[in-house]
Amino acid sequence: MNVFFITLLVIIFICLILVWYVNTYNKFQNFIIRINEAETNIDTLLRKRFDLLNKSINIIKGNISTEDDVLGLIVKLRSRKLSNFDLDRQLYEAINEFNYYKENYPELSESDSFMKIDISLNESEHEMTALRKYYNDIITEYNKLIRKFPTNIVALISKYKEKTYYDGKNMNDDIINDFKL
């Protein structure tokens, strides 16, 4: 009877560990799904911003007379493969150039299509801010699971690695001056 009782306790203990492992593994899977969802939403929004800026090139050229290479950065981005973060940085520079034309050429404000693009770009900036925050919040919780005991055991077994924040910052490196605006 004593051997039976000890065997039963061992089996219960193993089952409890197995249930905990499966539960923790599923938490990781949930975060991975949410991270992928956030990345997809960011991809979609970046594509929308790129398309809006691309459309604005012909509108700007059609409404003002300039010899400048209008939004040349957008033309260069067409063939490059960039990370979401790098693309976002490049699009931010292109939006600044777009705003330069808006401020220095008042005749563009008379164009309905130009103003629609301007409104859409402003709306997309608010969406992008929300998506960045959502993504970074998920990454924070995911990285906490990877670092904390005992969930770090499941992370080690499953070979999950910490992910960087949307701004590309690695909190574990030796670079202390990597604050990004």
Protein backbone atom coordinates (compact mmCIF):
# COMPACT_ATOMS: atom_id res chain seq x y z
CA MET A 1 0.00 0.00 0.00
CA ASN A 2 2.85 2.36 0.79
CA VAL A 3 4.44 1.78 -2.65
CA PHE A 4 1.08 2.35 -4.31
CA PHE A 5 0.63 5.65 -2.44
CA ILE A 6 4.12 6.88 -3.37
CA THR A 7 3.60 5.88 -7.02
CA LEU A 8 0.27 7.69 -7.05
CA LEU A 9 1.88 10.85 -5.62
CA VAL A 10 4.65 10.72 -8.23
CA ILE A 11 2.11 10.32 -11.03
CA ILE A 12 0.04 13.24 -9.67
CA PHE A 13 3.17 15.37 -9.38
CA ILE A 14 4.21 14.55 -12.95
CA CYS A 15 0.69 15.34 -14.17
CA LEU A 16 0.73 18.69 -12.37
CA ILE A 17 4.08 19.57 -13.94
CA LEU A 18 2.77 18.52 -17.34
CA VAL A 19 -0.39 20.64 -16.93
CA TRP A 20 1.75 23.62 -15.84
CA TYR A 21 4.08 23.13 -18.82
CA VAL A 22 1.21 22.94 -21.31
CA ASN A 23 -0.43 26.01 -19.77
CA THR A 24 2.80 28.00 -19.92
CA TYR A 25 3.53 26.83 -23.46
CA ASN A 26 0.04 27.98 -24.47
CA LYS A 27 0.71 31.40 -22.91
CA PHE A 28 3.78 31.71 -25.10
CA GLN A 29 1.76 30.66 -28.14
CA ASN A 30 -0.88 33.25 -27.32
CA PHE A 31 1.78 35.97 -27.19
CA ILE A 32 3.36 34.78 -30.43
CA ILE A 33 -0.04 34.97 -32.14
CA ARG A 34 -0.63 38.47 -30.76
CA ILE A 35 2.86 39.59 -31.83
CA ASN A 36 2.26 38.25 -35.36
CA GLU A 37 -1.12 39.99 -35.45
CA ALA A 38 0.44 43.30 -34.39
CA GLU A 39 3.21 42.92 -36.98
CA THR A 40 0.62 42.23 -39.69
CA ASN A 41 -1.36 45.32 -38.69
CA ILE A 42 1.82 47.41 -38.77
CA ASP A 43 2.70 45.96 -42.20
CA THR A 44 -0.73 46.88 -43.51
CA LEU A 45 -0.56 50.42 -42.16
CA LEU A 46 2.95 50.96 -43.51
CA ARG A 47 1.77 49.76 -46.93
CA LYS A 48 -1.16 52.20 -46.73
CA ARG A 49 1.16 55.09 -45.84
CA PHE A 50 3.56 54.16 -48.64
CA ASP A 51 0.69 54.00 -51.15
CA LEU A 52 -0.65 57.38 -50.02
CA LEU A 53 2.75 59.01 -50.42
CA ASN A 54 3.22 57.29 -53.77
CA LYS A 55 -0.12 58.69 -55.00
CA SER A 56 0.82 62.16 -53.82
CA ILE A 57 3.85 62.33 -56.14
CA ASN A 58 1.73 62.81 -59.28
CA ILE A 59 -0.65 65.17 -57.49
CA ILE A 60 2.23 67.36 -56.33
CA LYS A 61 3.86 67.32 -59.77
CA GLY A 62 0.51 68.14 -61.39
CA ASN A 63 -0.23 71.12 -59.15
CA ILE A 64 3.14 72.84 -58.85
CA SER A 65 5.94 73.52 -61.25
CA THR A 66 9.18 72.27 -59.79
CA GLU A 67 12.30 70.66 -61.11
CA ASP A 68 12.90 68.94 -57.77
CA ASP A 69 12.69 65.19 -57.41
CA VAL A 70 9.32 65.12 -55.62
CA LEU A 71 9.33 62.54 -52.81
CA GLY A 72 12.36 60.84 -54.36
CA LEU A 73 12.71 58.80 -51.19
CA ILE A 74 9.44 56.99 -51.99
CA VAL A 75 10.69 56.10 -55.46
CA LYS A 76 13.89 54.68 -53.93
CA LEU A 77 11.89 52.65 -51.39
CA ARG A 78 9.97 50.80 -54.08
CA SER A 79 12.75 48.31 -54.69
CA ARG A 80 14.29 48.06 -51.22
CA LYS A 81 13.60 45.42 -48.61
CA LEU A 82 13.47 46.96 -45.14
CA SER A 83 12.33 45.95 -41.71
CA ASN A 84 9.10 47.53 -40.51
CA PHE A 85 11.04 49.79 -38.21
CA ASP A 86 13.40 51.00 -40.95
CA LEU A 87 10.52 51.45 -43.38
CA ASP A 88 8.63 53.45 -40.76
CA ARG A 89 11.66 55.72 -40.31
CA GLN A 90 11.96 56.22 -44.07
CA LEU A 91 8.24 56.93 -44.42
CA TYR A 92 8.47 59.43 -41.58
CA GLU A 93 11.12 61.32 -43.58
CA ALA A 94 8.92 61.16 -46.68
CA ILE A 95 5.95 62.49 -44.70
CA ASN A 96 8.14 65.39 -43.56
CA GLU A 97 8.93 66.09 -47.21
CA PHE A 98 5.21 65.84 -48.03
CA ASN A 99 4.50 68.39 -45.28
CA TYR A 100 7.21 70.64 -46.71
CA TYR A 101 5.32 70.78 -50.01
CA LYS A 102 2.03 71.35 -48.18
CA GLU A 103 3.45 74.31 -46.25
CA ASN A 104 5.45 75.91 -49.08
CA TYR A 105 2.96 75.47 -51.91
CA PRO A 106 -0.46 76.75 -50.81
CA GLU A 107 -1.95 75.84 -54.21
CA LEU A 108 -1.75 72.17 -53.13
CA SER A 109 -4.35 72.89 -50.44
CA GLU A 110 -6.82 73.62 -53.21
CA SER A 111 -6.54 70.09 -54.54
CA ASP A 112 -9.17 67.78 -53.03
CA SER A 113 -7.13 64.66 -53.68
CA PHE A 114 -4.05 66.18 -52.02
CA MET A 115 -6.08 67.16 -48.96
CA LYS A 116 -7.62 63.67 -48.76
CA ILE A 117 -4.12 62.20 -48.74
CA ASP A 118 -3.09 64.69 -46.06
CA ILE A 119 -6.06 63.74 -43.87
CA SER A 120 -5.39 60.02 -44.40
CA LEU A 121 -1.71 60.45 -43.50
CA ASN A 122 -2.66 62.28 -40.29
CA GLU A 123 -5.12 59.52 -39.36
CA SER A 124 -2.53 56.87 -40.11
CA GLU A 125 -0.07 58.58 -37.76
CA HIS A 126 -2.51 58.18 -34.89
CA GLU A 127 -3.10 54.55 -35.83
CA MET A 128 0.65 53.94 -36.04
CA THR A 129 1.19 55.39 -32.57
CA ALA A 130 -1.46 53.05 -31.17
CA LEU A 131 -0.03 50.03 -33.01
CA ARG A 132 3.50 50.77 -31.78
CA LYS A 133 2.26 50.96 -28.21
CA TYR A 134 0.25 47.74 -28.57
CA TYR A 135 3.22 45.92 -30.11
CA ASN A 136 5.65 47.13 -27.43
CA ASP A 137 3.20 46.21 -24.66
CA ILE A 138 2.93 42.67 -26.00
CA ILE A 139 6.71 42.41 -26.36
CA THR A 140 7.13 43.57 -22.76
CA GLU A 141 4.83 40.83 -21.45
CA TYR A 142 6.42 38.22 -23.73
CA ASN A 143 9.93 39.16 -22.60
CA LYS A 144 8.82 39.02 -18.96
CA LEU A 145 7.70 35.41 -19.47
CA ILE A 146 11.06 34.57 -21.01
CA ARG A 147 13.03 36.10 -18.16
CA LYS A 148 10.99 35.09 -15.11
CA PHE A 149 11.30 31.82 -13.29
CA PRO A 150 9.75 29.24 -13.79
CA THR A 151 8.39 30.22 -17.22
CA ASN A 152 11.94 30.76 -18.43
CA ILE A 153 12.35 26.97 -18.26
CA VAL A 154 9.64 26.52 -20.90
CA ALA A 155 11.24 29.32 -22.95
CA LEU A 156 14.60 27.59 -22.75
CA ILE A 157 13.17 24.21 -23.72
CA SER A 158 11.15 25.71 -26.58
CA LYS A 159 14.07 27.94 -27.65
CA TYR A 160 12.08 31.17 -27.38
CA LYS A 161 14.24 34.28 -27.47
CA GLU A 162 13.57 37.79 -26.27
CA LYS A 163 12.26 40.13 -28.93
CA THR A 164 13.31 43.72 -29.47
CA TYR A 165 10.91 46.59 -29.11
CA TYR A 166 9.47 48.31 -32.16
CA ASP A 167 12.12 51.02 -32.06
CA GLY A 168 14.82 48.37 -32.48
CA LYS A 169 16.14 48.89 -28.98
CA ASN A 170 17.82 45.92 -27.36
CA MET A 171 17.51 46.27 -23.60
CA ASN A 172 20.20 43.64 -22.98
CA ASP A 173 23.08 45.09 -24.97
CA ASP A 174 25.88 47.25 -23.65
CA ILE A 175 24.82 50.33 -25.60
CA ILE A 176 23.35 52.77 -23.12
CA ASN A 177 22.86 55.69 -25.49
CA ASP A 178 20.24 54.09 -27.72
CA PHE A 179 17.23 56.11 -26.68
CA LYS A 180 15.12 56.70 -29.78
CA LEU A 181 12.73 59.58 -30.25
